[in-house]
Amino acid sequence: MGSYYGSSTTRGLTKNQLGGVIFGTNKTTIKECLCKKLFGLPSSHFVYVKKIDPGLPVFLFNYSDRTLSGIFEAVSSGQMNIDPCAWTCEGYKTPFPAQLIEKLEELMAFKVAQKDTNNHVEQKINFLEQNLAKAQANIKNLQGLCIVPELETCVGPYENKDIKSNETCLDDDQILLVGGYDGGSWLSSLDCYLPSQNLTKSLSSMSTERCYGAVSKLDDELFVFGGGTCGQWFDTVESYNPAADQWTTCPPLNRKNGNLAGATVNDKIYALGGGNDADCYSTVEMLDFDVGAWIPARSMLEKRFALGAAELNGALYAVGGFDGTYYLRTAERFDPREGFWKKTESMSTMRGCSSMVVLNEKLYVLGGYDGNAMVSTVEIYDPRRGSWVFGEPMNIPRGYSAAAVAKDSIYIIGGLKSGDEINDTVECYKEGRGWEMTKTNDAYRRCFLSAMAL
């Protein structure tokens, strides 16, 4: 069909606030759209297409001649793969599976024909005009919230930020624990850790077991990419919607990649470094929702396997890792506005498989492997000073653990103590209080996992 103007820049609106949706087309796909009365977008747009209910005003934008058609009326709810072969040669998988069945009578056509039609048509006009009035009111109320080039759109991928109580979590300090290894099994599980209640709830599992993967968050949705299990590396990507407790398959990475890092900057998801059994990578990929694929971004200055990465003040930071020969203490920074990586001050300690988080506009690098042993030391980088300092060390050495920040506190879960000894503990850090042991439980006995606070 074509790209959608709103893509990931239109977000945060509930279903009740959804005033209308613009689908894309071009000169080669528009005929099939109109003949089949079917509109579609790439799978990454399903986060808001699924919120379309019957009766919602919908528009069709033709990129070939830059014309906007409508108002159309949604006949079905937004669904995946209504026609799994649409806009392709027979038998091929559609590139636009986020689909909607439309009623193609336009409002203006109803008005022109009003003199010669019956009461049913008049009622139809009134119905569509009421929907249009609601849409215009929503656009006015939400003006400035979702402005995009040339068109204003009023669509958002999330109905509710609160998570349902029957299967998911209610607290605002939720930390999602993704995959990992518990000493006996590779895990596909997704668990919600609630620090305030000291408990864990099981959520819907991923489609496959996954360790050594990367995670990032966009619009309160979790994206998990790469990783592997038992010598196999993955290029697969999945996203998790907490409101629906549902996983969705996303465009794959350009190559199989494990022990990589993930971060989101300016509504763009980045996959950094990593490698496989044969090589370590300095490459960076970015998920482009308009294209529906991962595209190459500027590579880092050094190869970094099992690195730490995070976003701070609109820039990406990458630290430590393994370059194929040595464990690294170096760090570098990428600002998309500058378009290149540059070195920052190095850490004092070489670190691979460490955890990295942001707390109070500072980078915290936690534990990791220094080439000889797992360490408990913590280093903190303040970009305003451009320097690293040692923080209070953790109570237990940890590598291949997972960390996240919730309610101004750092939580670090599981990981390896040394060799193949797996931690079953959680530690919490808050400025002014230091590190405290908060939990010991088999549920936290895992390593090679990922974590993300919602």
Protein backbone atom coordinates (compact mmCIF):
# COMPACT_ATOMS: atom_id res chain seq x y z
CA MET A 1 0.00 0.00 0.00
CA GLY A 2 2.66 2.50 1.01
CA SER A 3 4.00 4.30 4.05
CA TYR A 4 1.79 5.92 6.64
CA TYR A 5 2.41 9.55 7.52
CA GLY A 6 1.86 9.12 11.24
CA SER A 7 4.06 6.07 11.86
CA SER A 8 5.60 6.11 15.32
CA THR A 9 5.20 9.85 15.80
CA THR A 10 1.48 9.59 16.52
CA ARG A 11 1.04 7.89 19.83
CA GLY A 12 -0.51 8.09 23.25
CA LEU A 13 -4.14 8.39 22.11
CA THR A 14 -6.82 6.05 23.41
CA LYS A 15 -9.41 4.33 21.22
CA ASN A 16 -12.04 6.86 22.30
CA GLN A 17 -9.77 9.70 21.18
CA LEU A 18 -9.14 8.12 17.78
CA GLY A 19 -10.64 10.59 15.31
CA GLY A 20 -9.63 8.91 12.06
CA VAL A 21 -6.88 6.94 10.37
CA ILE A 22 -5.04 7.66 7.10
CA PHE A 23 -3.96 4.66 5.03
CA GLY A 24 -1.45 4.95 2.20
CA THR A 25 -1.55 3.75 -1.40
CA ASN A 26 0.03 4.45 -4.78
CA LYS A 27 -0.79 4.12 -8.46
CA THR A 28 -0.03 0.38 -8.51
CA THR A 29 -1.99 -0.61 -5.39
CA ILE A 30 -4.98 1.74 -5.39
CA LYS A 31 -7.01 -0.30 -7.87
CA GLU A 32 -6.84 -3.37 -5.65
CA CYS A 33 -7.71 -1.24 -2.60
CA LEU A 34 -10.89 -0.04 -4.26
CA CYS A 35 -11.85 -3.33 -5.90
CA LYS A 36 -11.43 -5.39 -2.75
CA LYS A 37 -12.60 -2.58 -0.45
CA LEU A 38 -9.50 -3.37 1.59
CA PHE A 39 -6.86 -1.02 3.00
CA GLY A 40 -3.54 -2.16 4.51
CA LEU A 41 -0.29 -1.07 6.15
CA PRO A 42 2.96 -2.81 7.24
CA SER A 43 2.73 -4.98 10.35
CA SER A 44 4.52 -2.38 12.51
CA HIS A 45 1.42 -0.15 12.20
CA PHE A 46 -0.93 -2.75 13.65
CA VAL A 47 -0.51 -1.13 17.08
CA TYR A 48 -3.05 1.50 16.02
CA VAL A 49 -4.83 -0.24 13.13
CA LYS A 50 -6.19 -2.77 15.63
CA LYS A 51 -7.92 0.10 17.47
CA ILE A 52 -10.16 0.90 14.51
CA ASP A 53 -13.81 0.02 15.14
CA PRO A 54 -16.59 -0.20 12.53
CA GLY A 55 -17.92 3.24 11.65
CA LEU A 56 -14.65 5.13 12.20
CA PRO A 57 -13.82 7.68 9.46
CA VAL A 58 -10.86 6.53 7.35
CA PHE A 59 -8.93 8.25 4.56
CA LEU A 60 -6.75 7.01 1.69
CA PHE A 61 -3.65 8.99 0.68
CA ASN A 62 -2.20 8.33 -2.78
CA TYR A 63 1.54 8.99 -2.73
CA SER A 64 1.77 8.92 -6.53
CA ASP A 65 -0.39 11.99 -7.15
CA ARG A 66 -0.46 13.34 -3.56
CA THR A 67 -4.25 13.20 -3.27
CA LEU A 68 -6.30 12.46 -0.18
CA SER A 69 -9.57 10.55 -0.65
CA GLY A 70 -12.36 10.13 1.86
CA ILE A 71 -14.29 10.09 4.01
CA PHE A 72 -14.56 6.28 3.97
CA GLU A 73 -16.17 4.24 6.70
CA ALA A 74 -14.58 1.25 8.43
CA VAL A 75 -16.81 -1.80 8.07
CA SER A 76 -14.58 -4.16 10.08
CA SER A 77 -12.27 -3.79 13.03
CA GLY A 78 -8.57 -3.53 12.20
CA GLN A 79 -7.16 -7.04 11.81
CA MET A 80 -4.05 -8.86 10.67
CA ASN A 81 -4.06 -10.69 7.33
CA ILE A 82 -7.70 -10.33 6.28
CA ASP A 83 -6.27 -11.16 2.85
CA PRO A 84 -2.81 -12.70 3.44
CA CYS A 85 -1.89 -12.36 -0.26
CA ALA A 86 -3.17 -8.84 -0.92
CA TRP A 87 -1.10 -6.54 -3.16
CA THR A 88 1.18 -9.40 -4.23
CA CYS A 89 1.40 -12.03 -6.88
CA GLU A 90 -0.73 -15.04 -6.06
CA GLY A 91 0.60 -17.08 -3.17
CA TYR A 92 3.06 -14.53 -1.81
CA LYS A 93 2.82 -13.13 1.70
CA THR A 94 1.39 -9.63 1.80
CA PRO A 95 3.77 -6.82 2.83
CA PHE A 96 0.78 -4.94 4.28
CA PRO A 97 -0.90 -7.32 6.77
CA ALA A 98 -2.41 -4.67 9.10
CA GLN A 99 -5.72 -4.49 7.24
CA LEU A 100 -9.20 -3.05 7.31
CA ILE A 101 -12.35 -3.62 5.26
CA GLU A 102 -13.88 -0.35 4.08
CA LYS A 103 -17.19 0.90 2.71
CA LEU A 104 -16.11 3.06 -0.21
CA GLU A 105 -19.06 5.45 -0.58
CA GLU A 106 -17.67 8.90 0.13
CA LEU A 107 -19.53 11.50 2.14
CA MET A 108 -19.48 14.03 -0.66
CA ALA A 109 -20.99 11.49 -3.06
CA PHE A 110 -23.84 10.99 -0.59
CA LYS A 111 -24.46 14.72 -0.51
CA VAL A 112 -24.55 15.06 -4.31
CA ALA A 113 -27.00 12.18 -4.59
CA GLN A 114 -29.15 13.26 -1.68
CA LYS A 115 -31.97 14.66 -3.86
CA ASP A 116 -32.47 11.33 -5.62
CA THR A 117 -32.09 8.94 -2.72
CA ASN A 118 -34.30 7.67 0.03
CA ASN A 119 -34.30 8.13 3.78
CA HIS A 120 -31.73 5.41 4.21
CA VAL A 121 -29.12 7.49 2.37
CA GLU A 122 -30.07 10.58 4.36
CA GLN A 123 -29.60 8.65 7.57
CA LYS A 124 -26.27 7.45 6.30
CA ILE A 125 -25.16 11.02 5.62
CA ASN A 126 -26.17 12.07 9.12
CA PHE A 127 -24.28 9.13 10.58
CA LEU A 128 -21.08 9.95 8.70
CA GLU A 129 -21.37 13.66 9.44
CA GLN A 130 -21.69 12.91 13.14
CA ASN A 131 -18.54 10.82 12.96
CA LEU A 132 -16.80 13.60 11.09
CA ALA A 133 -17.86 16.14 13.71
CA LYS A 134 -16.48 13.93 16.45
CA ALA A 135 -13.23 13.52 14.52
CA GLN A 136 -12.91 17.28 14.01
CA ALA A 137 -13.56 17.88 17.70
CA ASN A 138 -10.87 15.38 18.65
CA ILE A 139 -8.43 16.93 16.20
CA LYS A 140 -9.09 20.38 17.68
CA ASN A 141 -8.69 19.16 21.26
CA LEU A 142 -5.53 17.25 20.46
CA GLN A 143 -3.99 19.76 18.08
CA GLY A 144 -0.26 19.87 18.48
CA LEU A 145 -0.11 16.42 20.06
CA CYS A 146 0.42 14.52 16.83
CA ILE A 147 1.50 16.93 14.08
CA VAL A 148 3.28 15.39 11.08
CA PRO A 149 4.41 16.89 7.75
CA GLU A 150 1.62 18.04 5.42
CA LEU A 151 -1.17 16.29 7.35
CA GLU A 152 -2.53 16.25 10.88
CA THR A 153 -3.50 12.80 12.06
CA CYS A 154 -5.24 11.62 15.16
CA VAL A 155 -4.26 8.04 15.70
CA GLY A 156 -2.42 6.38 18.55
CA PRO A 157 -1.26 2.84 19.21
CA TYR A 158 -2.32 2.49 22.79
CA GLU A 159 -5.75 2.27 24.29
CA ASN A 160 -4.71 2.35 27.90
CA LYS A 161 -1.40 2.54 29.71
CA ASP A 162 -2.87 0.66 32.68
CA ILE A 163 -2.29 -3.07 32.51
CA LYS A 164 -5.20 -5.43 33.05
CA SER A 165 -5.33 -7.01 36.48
CA ASN A 166 -6.39 -10.50 35.43
CA GLU A 167 -3.17 -11.39 33.65
CA THR A 168 -0.80 -8.48 33.99
CA CYS A 169 0.37 -5.86 36.47
CA LEU A 170 -1.24 -2.78 38.00
CA ASP A 171 1.62 -0.97 39.74
CA ASP A 172 3.59 1.83 38.17
CA ASP A 173 6.94 0.25 39.11
CA GLN A 174 6.64 -2.72 36.75
CA ILE A 175 9.84 -4.30 35.43
CA LEU A 176 9.54 -6.85 32.64
CA LEU A 177 12.01 -9.76 32.76
CA VAL A 178 12.61 -11.32 29.35
CA GLY A 179 13.94 -14.80 28.63
CA GLY A 180 17.27 -16.00 29.99
CA TYR A 181 18.65 -19.25 31.37
CA ASP A 182 17.82 -20.71 34.81
CA GLY A 183 20.55 -23.35 34.94
CA GLY A 184 18.42 -26.06 33.38
CA SER A 185 16.32 -24.48 30.64
CA TRP A 186 16.49 -21.73 28.05
CA LEU A 187 13.49 -19.52 28.70
CA SER A 188 10.85 -17.96 26.46
CA SER A 189 9.06 -16.53 29.48
CA LEU A 190 8.07 -12.94 30.16
CA ASP A 191 7.56 -12.03 33.80
CA CYS A 192 6.45 -8.82 35.46
CA TYR A 193 8.46 -8.01 38.59
CA LEU A 194 6.71 -5.69 41.06
CA PRO A 195 9.31 -4.32 43.50
CA SER A 196 6.72 -2.62 45.71
CA GLN A 197 5.00 -5.97 46.32
CA ASN A 198 8.09 -8.18 46.08
CA LEU A 199 6.40 -10.57 43.68
CA THR A 200 6.53 -11.72 40.09
CA LYS A 201 3.65 -12.43 37.70
CA SER A 202 3.87 -14.51 34.55
CA LEU A 203 2.76 -12.92 31.28
CA SER A 204 2.44 -14.26 27.73
CA SER A 205 5.62 -15.97 26.58
CA MET A 206 7.64 -15.09 23.51
CA SER A 207 7.39 -17.28 20.43
CA THR A 208 10.78 -18.87 21.17
CA GLU A 209 13.38 -19.25 23.90
CA ARG A 210 15.75 -16.27 23.91
CA CYS A 211 18.96 -15.36 25.75
CA TYR A 212 21.67 -12.76 25.08
CA GLY A 213 19.04 -10.54 23.42
CA ALA A 214 18.51 -6.80 23.49
CA VAL A 215 15.43 -4.85 24.54
CA SER A 216 14.15 -1.35 23.99
CA LYS A 217 10.91 0.52 24.59
CA LEU A 218 8.83 2.71 22.31
CA ASP A 219 5.40 4.10 23.20
CA ASP A 220 5.20 1.82 26.25
CA GLU A 221 5.66 -1.21 23.99
CA LEU A 222 8.58 -3.58 24.53
CA PHE A 223 10.77 -4.63 21.60
CA VAL A 224 13.05 -7.69 21.92
CA PHE A 225 15.61 -8.45 19.22
CA GLY A 226 18.47 -10.79 18.45
CA GLY A 227 20.06 -13.13 20.98
CA GLY A 228 20.11 -16.89 20.80
CA THR A 229 20.29 -20.18 22.67
CA CYS A 230 22.90 -22.90 22.90
CA GLY A 231 25.15 -21.76 20.04
CA GLN A 232 22.31 -20.60 17.77
CA TRP A 233 21.96 -16.89 17.02
CA PHE A 234 18.76 -15.11 16.03
CA ASP A 235 17.80 -12.24 13.74
CA THR A 236 14.19 -12.33 14.94
CA VAL A 237 12.36 -9.40 16.53
CA GLU A 238 9.20 -9.40 18.63
CA SER A 239 7.20 -6.62 20.28
CA TYR A 240 5.02 -6.91 23.38
CA ASN A 241 1.90 -4.84 24.05
CA PRO A 242 1.25 -4.81 27.84
CA ALA A 243 -2.34 -3.60 27.46
CA ALA A 244 -3.24 -6.67 25.38
CA ASP A 245 -0.65 -9.04 26.89
CA GLN A 246 0.21 -9.93 23.31
CA TRP A 247 3.36 -10.46 21.22
CA THR A 248 3.67 -9.37 17.58
CA THR A 249 6.31 -10.41 15.04
CA CYS A 250 8.36 -7.47 13.74
CA PRO A 251 10.81 -7.04 10.82
CA PRO A 252 13.99 -9.07 11.45
CA LEU A 253 17.50 -7.71 11.90
CA ASN A 254 19.74 -7.75 8.85
CA ARG A 255 21.80 -10.60 10.28
CA LYS A 256 21.84 -12.99 13.20
CA ASN A 257 23.22 -11.25 16.23
CA GLY A 258 23.66 -12.01 19.93
CA ASN A 259 25.05 -10.18 22.96
CA LEU A 260 24.03 -6.90 21.35
CA ALA A 261 22.52 -3.84 23.06
CA GLY A 262 19.37 -1.85 22.39
CA ALA A 263 18.22 1.73 22.98
CA THR A 264 15.59 4.19 21.73
CA VAL A 265 16.46 7.73 20.65
CA ASN A 266 13.94 10.19 19.19
CA ASP A 267 11.37 7.45 18.54
CA LYS A 268 13.96 5.33 16.72
CA ILE A 269 15.04 1.91 18.00
CA TYR A 270 18.75 1.07 17.66
CA ALA A 271 20.52 -2.31 17.80
CA LEU A 272 24.21 -1.87 18.65
CA GLY A 273 27.23 -4.15 18.39
CA GLY A 274 27.02 -7.80 19.37
CA GLY A 275 28.32 -10.66 17.26
CA ASN A 276 28.32 -14.41 16.77
CA ASP A 277 30.72 -17.31 17.28
CA ALA A 278 33.02 -16.00 14.55
CA ASP A 279 33.07 -12.23 14.86
CA CYS A 280 32.30 -9.20 17.00
CA TYR A 281 30.42 -6.26 15.48
CA SER A 282 30.78 -2.50 15.54
CA THR A 283 27.69 -2.12 13.36
CA VAL A 284 24.48 -0.35 14.33
CA GLU A 285 21.00 -0.88 12.87
CA MET A 286 17.91 1.31 13.21
CA LEU A 287 14.30 0.13 12.94
CA ASP A 288 12.56 2.38 10.41
CA PHE A 289 8.79 2.05 10.83
CA ASP A 290 8.09 3.90 7.57
CA VAL A 291 10.17 1.44 5.55
CA GLY A 292 9.14 -1.51 7.72
CA ALA A 293 12.73 -2.76 8.04
CA TRP A 294 16.01 -2.32 9.92
CA ILE A 295 18.37 -0.02 8.07
CA PRO A 296 22.13 0.53 8.64
CA ALA A 297 23.13 3.43 10.88
CA ARG A 298 26.60 4.85 11.55
CA SER A 299 28.88 2.14 12.96
CA MET A 300 30.63 2.54 16.29
CA LEU A 301 34.35 3.29 16.48
CA GLU A 302 35.11 -0.12 18.03
CA LYS A 303 33.77 -3.65 17.87
CA ARG A 304 31.75 -4.34 21.01
CA PHE A 305 30.37 -7.77 21.96
CA ALA A 306 28.40 -7.92 25.22
CA LEU A 307 28.49 -4.13 25.55
CA GLY A 308 26.42 -1.75 27.61
CA ALA A 309 24.32 0.93 25.91
CA ALA A 310 21.73 3.53 26.88
CA GLU A 311 20.13 6.78 25.76
CA LEU A 312 20.75 9.98 27.70
CA ASN A 313 19.62 13.48 26.71
CA GLY A 314 18.99 12.50 23.09
CA ALA A 315 22.31 10.71 22.54
CA LEU A 316 23.42 7.07 22.49
CA TYR A 317 26.23 5.87 24.73
CA ALA A 318 28.10 2.57 24.23
CA VAL A 319 30.60 1.30 26.79
CA GLY A 320 32.84 -1.68 27.37
CA GLY A 321 32.34 -5.04 25.75
CA PHE A 322 34.74 -7.44 24.03
CA ASP A 323 36.41 -6.63 20.69
CA GLY A 324 37.49 -10.18 19.87
CA THR A 325 40.83 -9.83 21.63
CA TYR A 326 40.44 -7.63 24.69
CA TYR A 327 37.78 -6.56 27.16
CA LEU A 328 37.27 -2.82 26.85
CA ARG A 329 37.09 0.12 29.22
CA THR A 330 36.44 2.59 26.40
CA ALA A 331 33.21 4.51 25.82
CA GLU A 332 31.74 6.42 22.89
CA ARG A 333 28.78 8.66 22.15
CA PHE A 334 26.49 9.13 19.14
CA ASP A 335 24.25 12.16 18.72
CA PRO A 336 21.86 11.74 15.74
CA ARG A 337 21.98 15.50 15.22
CA GLU A 338 25.76 15.25 14.65
CA GLY A 339 25.63 11.96 12.75
CA PHE A 340 28.85 10.42 14.01
CA TRP A 341 30.35 8.57 16.98
CA LYS A 342 33.03 10.18 19.11
CA LYS A 343 35.06 8.93 22.04
CA THR A 344 34.31 9.97 25.59
CA GLU A 345 36.42 9.39 28.68
CA SER A 346 37.11 5.70 29.35
CA MET A 347 36.01 3.82 32.45
CA SER A 348 38.58 2.75 35.03
CA THR A 349 37.67 -0.94 34.68
CA MET A 350 37.48 -3.21 31.66
CA ARG A 351 33.96 -4.63 31.46
CA GLY A 352 32.02 -7.03 29.29
CA CYS A 353 28.48 -8.35 29.95
CA SER A 354 27.80 -5.48 32.36
CA SER A 355 24.42 -3.80 32.88
CA MET A 356 23.87 -0.13 32.06
CA VAL A 357 21.04 2.19 33.13
CA VAL A 358 20.29 5.90 33.47
CA LEU A 359 19.40 7.42 36.85
CA ASN A 360 19.03 11.16 37.49
CA GLU A 361 20.71 12.04 34.16
CA LYS A 362 23.78 9.92 34.88
CA LEU A 363 24.95 6.64 33.36
CA TYR A 364 25.46 3.72 35.74
CA VAL A 365 27.53 0.73 34.58
CA LEU A 366 27.03 -2.22 36.92
CA GLY A 367 29.28 -5.21 37.40
CA GLY A 368 30.39 -7.30 34.44
CA TYR A 369 33.46 -9.39 33.60
CA ASP A 370 36.86 -7.68 33.69
CA GLY A 371 38.80 -10.41 31.87
CA ASN A 372 39.51 -12.37 35.04
CA ALA A 373 36.35 -12.47 37.15
CA MET A 374 32.86 -11.08 37.61
CA VAL A 375 33.00 -7.80 39.53
CA SER A 376 30.63 -5.94 41.84
CA THR A 377 32.01 -2.47 41.12
CA VAL A 378 29.88 0.37 39.75
CA GLU A 379 31.04 3.32 37.66
CA ILE A 380 28.97 6.46 37.08
CA TYR A 381 29.32 8.89 34.17
CA ASP A 382 28.09 12.47 34.42
CA PRO A 383 27.93 13.99 30.91
CA ARG A 384 27.99 17.50 32.36
CA ARG A 385 31.45 16.81 33.80
CA GLY A 386 32.51 14.36 31.12
CA SER A 387 34.07 12.01 33.64
CA TRP A 388 33.56 8.67 35.41
CA VAL A 389 33.58 8.10 39.16
CA PHE A 390 33.23 4.93 41.18
CA GLY A 391 29.89 4.44 42.91
CA GLU A 392 29.07 2.21 45.84
CA PRO A 393 29.70 -1.40 44.80
CA MET A 394 26.93 -3.99 44.76
CA ASN A 395 26.77 -6.65 47.45
CA ILE A 396 27.39 -9.49 44.97
CA PRO A 397 29.52 -9.71 41.80
CA ARG A 398 27.29 -9.91 38.74
CA GLY A 399 27.65 -10.36 35.00
CA TYR A 400 25.02 -11.21 32.39
CA SER A 401 22.40 -9.85 34.80
CA ALA A 402 19.56 -7.47 33.94
CA ALA A 403 18.91 -4.00 35.36
CA ALA A 404 16.18 -1.37 35.11
CA VAL A 405 15.17 1.87 36.83
CA ALA A 406 11.76 2.21 38.51
CA LYS A 407 10.63 4.97 40.89
CA ASP A 408 14.12 6.55 41.05
CA SER A 409 15.70 3.25 42.07
CA ILE A 410 17.96 0.84 40.20
CA TYR A 411 17.05 -2.84 40.37
CA ILE A 412 19.50 -5.51 39.22
CA ILE A 413 18.28 -9.08 38.88
CA GLY A 414 20.05 -12.43 38.65
CA GLY A 415 23.17 -12.89 36.54
CA LEU A 416 26.32 -14.96 37.04
CA LYS A 417 28.40 -14.65 40.21
CA SER A 418 31.35 -16.58 38.84
CA GLY A 419 31.81 -19.45 36.45
CA ASP A 420 28.41 -21.11 36.11
CA GLU A 421 27.02 -20.03 39.52
CA ILE A 422 23.73 -18.20 38.90
CA ASN A 423 22.43 -15.47 41.23
CA ASP A 424 18.92 -15.80 42.65
CA THR A 425 18.89 -12.32 44.20
CA VAL A 426 17.67 -8.80 43.47
CA GLU A 427 19.50 -5.69 44.65
CA CYS A 428 18.10 -2.17 44.81
CA TYR A 429 20.04 1.12 44.70
CA LYS A 430 18.69 4.55 45.63
CA GLU A 431 20.81 7.67 45.89
CA GLY A 432 21.58 8.37 49.52
CA ARG A 433 20.73 4.82 50.63
CA GLY A 434 23.17 2.68 48.63
CA TRP A 435 22.59 -0.96 47.64
CA GLU A 436 20.18 -3.19 49.53
CA MET A 437 19.26 -6.83 49.02
CA THR A 438 15.53 -6.93 48.34
CA LYS A 439 14.68 -10.46 47.25
CA THR A 440 15.97 -14.01 47.08
CA ASN A 441 13.84 -16.43 45.11
CA ASP A 442 14.10 -19.11 42.44
CA ALA A 443 12.08 -16.82 40.17
CA TYR A 444 15.12 -14.53 39.95
CA ARG A 445 17.62 -17.34 39.48
CA ARG A 446 18.48 -16.67 35.87
CA CYS A 447 21.20 -15.18 33.71
CA PHE A 448 21.55 -13.97 30.10
CA LEU A 449 18.16 -12.25 30.51
CA SER A 450 16.96 -8.75 29.63
CA ALA A 451 14.89 -6.26 31.63
CA MET A 452 12.90 -3.12 30.90
CA ALA A 453 10.83 -0.87 33.16
CA LEU A 454 7.46 0.20 31.80
